[in-house]
Amino acid sequence: MHGLNAYNVIDGFAIKIMESDLRAFSEKMKVFVDWDYLDE
């Protein structure tokens, strides 16, 4: 995986990123994600 998979929803006004993809991407790129913030 070279990038982050994102899916176009609502006619281009929003994107959806699967949590599993974000977790894998953040681990690979060593990027901190505040999972508690995302759960709000």
PDB file of N, CA and C in Angstrom:
ATOM      1  N   MET A   1       0.842  -1.181   0.000  1.00  0.00           N
ATOM      2  CA  MET A   1       0.000   0.000   0.000  1.00  0.00           C
ATOM      3  C   MET A   1       0.882   1.237   0.000  1.00  0.00           C
ATOM      4  N   HIS A   2       0.712   2.093  -0.983  1.00  0.00           N
ATOM      5  CA  HIS A   2       1.523   3.304  -1.070  1.00  0.00           C
ATOM      6  C   HIS A   2       0.826   4.516  -0.483  1.00  0.00           C
ATOM      7  N   GLY A   3      -0.483   4.510  -0.498  1.00  0.00           N
ATOM      8  CA  GLY A   3      -1.241   5.653  -0.014  1.00  0.00           C
ATOM      9  C   GLY A   3      -2.374   5.192   0.877  1.00  0.00           C
ATOM     10  N   LEU A   4      -3.242   6.121   1.147  1.00  0.00           N
ATOM     11  CA  LEU A   4      -4.386   5.842   2.001  1.00  0.00           C
ATOM     12  C   LEU A   4      -5.620   5.692   1.133  1.00  0.00           C
ATOM     13  N   ASN A   5      -6.298   4.567   1.247  1.00  0.00           N
ATOM     14  CA  ASN A   5      -7.519   4.353   0.487  1.00  0.00           C
ATOM     15  C   ASN A   5      -8.622   5.249   1.027  1.00  0.00           C
ATOM     16  N   ALA A   6      -9.296   5.967   0.149  1.00  0.00           N
ATOM     17  CA  ALA A   6     -10.420   6.816   0.530  1.00  0.00           C
ATOM     18  C   ALA A   6     -11.509   6.615  -0.510  1.00  0.00           C
ATOM     19  N   TYR A   7     -12.733   6.671  -0.047  1.00  0.00           N
ATOM     20  CA  TYR A   7     -13.864   6.404  -0.921  1.00  0.00           C
ATOM     21  C   TYR A   7     -14.759   7.637  -0.996  1.00  0.00           C
ATOM     22  N   ASN A   8     -15.089   8.037  -2.195  1.00  0.00           N
ATOM     23  CA  ASN A   8     -15.912   9.205  -2.435  1.00  0.00           C
ATOM     24  C   ASN A   8     -17.367   8.901  -2.079  1.00  0.00           C
ATOM     25  N   VAL A   9     -17.956   9.728  -1.252  1.00  0.00           N
ATOM     26  CA  VAL A   9     -19.372   9.596  -0.899  1.00  0.00           C
ATOM     27  C   VAL A   9     -20.038  10.961  -0.992  1.00  0.00           C
ATOM     28  N   ILE A  10     -21.330  10.982  -1.079  1.00  0.00           N
ATOM     29  CA  ILE A  10     -22.125  12.211  -1.130  1.00  0.00           C
ATOM     30  C   ILE A  10     -21.639  13.124  -2.250  1.00  0.00           C
ATOM     31  N   ASP A  11     -21.586  12.590  -3.456  1.00  0.00           N
ATOM     32  CA  ASP A  11     -21.252  13.368  -4.662  1.00  0.00           C
ATOM     33  C   ASP A  11     -19.999  14.228  -4.526  1.00  0.00           C
ATOM     34  N   GLY A  12     -18.971  13.685  -3.900  1.00  0.00           N
ATOM     35  CA  GLY A  12     -17.695  14.390  -3.820  1.00  0.00           C
ATOM     36  C   GLY A  12     -17.570  15.369  -2.676  1.00  0.00           C
ATOM     37  N   PHE A  13     -18.595  15.481  -1.850  1.00  0.00           N
ATOM     38  CA  PHE A  13     -18.541  16.432  -0.734  1.00  0.00           C
ATOM     39  C   PHE A  13     -17.985  15.822   0.540  1.00  0.00           C
ATOM     40  N   ALA A  14     -17.724  14.533   0.508  1.00  0.00           N
ATOM     41  CA  ALA A  14     -17.173  13.861   1.674  1.00  0.00           C
ATOM     42  C   ALA A  14     -16.415  12.625   1.203  1.00  0.00           C
ATOM     43  N   ILE A  15     -15.495  12.186   2.040  1.00  0.00           N
ATOM     44  CA  ILE A  15     -14.807  10.935   1.764  1.00  0.00           C
ATOM     45  C   ILE A  15     -14.970  10.022   2.967  1.00  0.00           C
ATOM     46  N   LYS A  16     -14.849   8.742   2.714  1.00  0.00           N
ATOM     47  CA  LYS A  16     -14.903   7.746   3.777  1.00  0.00           C
ATOM     48  C   LYS A  16     -13.584   7.004   3.780  1.00  0.00           C
ATOM     49  N   ILE A  17     -13.009   6.853   4.957  1.00  0.00           N
ATOM     50  CA  ILE A  17     -11.772   6.094   5.129  1.00  0.00           C
ATOM     51  C   ILE A  17     -12.082   4.978   6.117  1.00  0.00           C
ATOM     52  N   MET A  18     -11.805   3.762   5.720  1.00  0.00           N
ATOM     53  CA  MET A  18     -12.048   2.625   6.603  1.00  0.00           C
ATOM     54  C   MET A  18     -11.043   2.669   7.764  1.00  0.00           C
ATOM     55  N   GLU A  19     -11.513   2.370   8.961  1.00  0.00           N
ATOM     56  CA  GLU A  19     -10.634   2.423  10.128  1.00  0.00           C
ATOM     57  C   GLU A  19      -9.437   1.494   9.958  1.00  0.00           C
ATOM     58  N   SER A  20      -9.661   0.315   9.409  1.00  0.00           N
ATOM     59  CA  SER A  20      -8.557  -0.634   9.234  1.00  0.00           C
ATOM     60  C   SER A  20      -7.492  -0.068   8.287  1.00  0.00           C
ATOM     61  N   ASP A  21      -7.928   0.651   7.238  1.00  0.00           N
ATOM     62  CA  ASP A  21      -6.975   1.276   6.314  1.00  0.00           C
ATOM     63  C   ASP A  21      -6.195   2.388   7.009  1.00  0.00           C
ATOM     64  N   LEU A  22      -6.893   3.199   7.812  1.00  0.00           N
ATOM     65  CA  LEU A  22      -6.223   4.289   8.521  1.00  0.00           C
ATOM     66  C   LEU A  22      -5.229   3.743   9.535  1.00  0.00           C
ATOM     67  N   ARG A  23      -5.608   2.683  10.233  1.00  0.00           N
ATOM     68  CA  ARG A  23      -4.680   2.086  11.205  1.00  0.00           C
ATOM     69  C   ARG A  23      -3.422   1.557  10.515  1.00  0.00           C
ATOM     70  N   ALA A  24      -3.604   0.821   9.421  1.00  0.00           N
ATOM     71  CA  ALA A  24      -2.458   0.271   8.694  1.00  0.00           C
ATOM     72  C   ALA A  24      -1.575   1.384   8.139  1.00  0.00           C
ATOM     73  N   PHE A  25      -2.200   2.406   7.563  1.00  0.00           N
ATOM     74  CA  PHE A  25      -1.452   3.529   6.990  1.00  0.00           C
ATOM     75  C   PHE A  25      -0.673   4.276   8.071  1.00  0.00           C
ATOM     76  N   SER A  26      -1.330   4.571   9.193  1.00  0.00           N
ATOM     77  CA  SER A  26      -0.661   5.333  10.253  1.00  0.00           C
ATOM     78  C   SER A  26       0.504   4.545  10.849  1.00  0.00           C
ATOM     79  N   GLU A  27       0.341   3.233  10.974  1.00  0.00           N
ATOM     80  CA  GLU A  27       1.444   2.415  11.490  1.00  0.00           C
ATOM     81  C   GLU A  27       2.607   2.380  10.507  1.00  0.00           C
ATOM     82  N   LYS A  28       2.306   2.206   9.233  1.00  0.00           N
ATOM     83  CA  LYS A  28       3.356   2.141   8.218  1.00  0.00           C
ATOM     84  C   LYS A  28       4.117   3.467   8.120  1.00  0.00           C
ATOM     85  N   MET A  29       3.372   4.585   8.167  1.00  0.00           N
ATOM     86  CA  MET A  29       3.982   5.898   8.005  1.00  0.00           C
ATOM     87  C   MET A  29       4.466   6.487   9.329  1.00  0.00           C
ATOM     88  N   LYS A  30       4.225   5.749  10.428  1.00  0.00           N
ATOM     89  CA  LYS A  30       4.607   6.195  11.770  1.00  0.00           C
ATOM     90  C   LYS A  30       3.979   7.555  12.104  1.00  0.00           C
ATOM     91  N   VAL A  31       2.675   7.645  11.822  1.00  0.00           N
ATOM     92  CA  VAL A  31       1.910   8.861  12.083  1.00  0.00           C
ATOM     93  C   VAL A  31       1.030   8.617  13.299  1.00  0.00           C
ATOM     94  N   PHE A  32       1.039   9.552  14.242  1.00  0.00           N
ATOM     95  CA  PHE A  32       0.196   9.421  15.425  1.00  0.00           C
ATOM     96  C   PHE A  32      -1.249   9.750  15.068  1.00  0.00           C
ATOM     97  N   VAL A  33      -2.157   8.905  15.490  1.00  0.00           N
ATOM     98  CA  VAL A  33      -3.587   9.161  15.343  1.00  0.00           C
ATOM     99  C   VAL A  33      -4.200   9.100  16.741  1.00  0.00           C
ATOM    100  N   ASP A  34      -4.932  10.134  17.109  1.00  0.00           N
ATOM    101  CA  ASP A  34      -5.601  10.169  18.415  1.00  0.00           C
ATOM    102  C   ASP A  34      -6.926   9.418  18.282  1.00  0.00           C
ATOM    103  N   TRP A  35      -6.886   8.114  18.532  1.00  0.00           N
ATOM    104  CA  TRP A  35      -8.067   7.272  18.345  1.00  0.00           C
ATOM    105  C   TRP A  35      -9.198   7.668  19.285  1.00  0.00           C
ATOM    106  N   ASP A  36      -8.865   8.173  20.459  1.00  0.00           N
ATOM    107  CA  ASP A  36      -9.908   8.614  21.395  1.00  0.00           C
ATOM    108  C   ASP A  36     -10.691   9.784  20.810  1.00  0.00           C
ATOM    109  N   TYR A  37     -10.000  10.706  20.156  1.00  0.00           N
ATOM    110  CA  TYR A  37     -10.666  11.852  19.516  1.00  0.00           C
ATOM    111  C   TYR A  37     -11.602  11.390  18.406  1.00  0.00           C
ATOM    112  N   LEU A  38     -11.176  10.393  17.627  1.00  0.00           N
ATOM    113  CA  LEU A  38     -11.992   9.910  16.536  1.00  0.00           C
ATOM    114  C   LEU A  38     -13.251   9.189  17.005  1.00  0.00           C
ATOM    115  N   ASP A  39     -13.233   8.679  18.238  1.00  0.00           N
ATOM    116  CA  ASP A  39     -14.387   7.967  18.786  1.00  0.00           C
ATOM    117  C   ASP A  39     -15.495   8.913  19.241  1.00  0.00           C
ATOM    118  N   GLU A  40     -15.202  10.210  19.357  1.00  0.00           N
ATOM    119  CA  GLU A  40     -16.213  11.171  19.839  1.00  0.00           C
ATOM    120  C   GLU A  40     -17.307  11.377  18.828  1.00  0.00           C
TER     121      GLU A  40
END
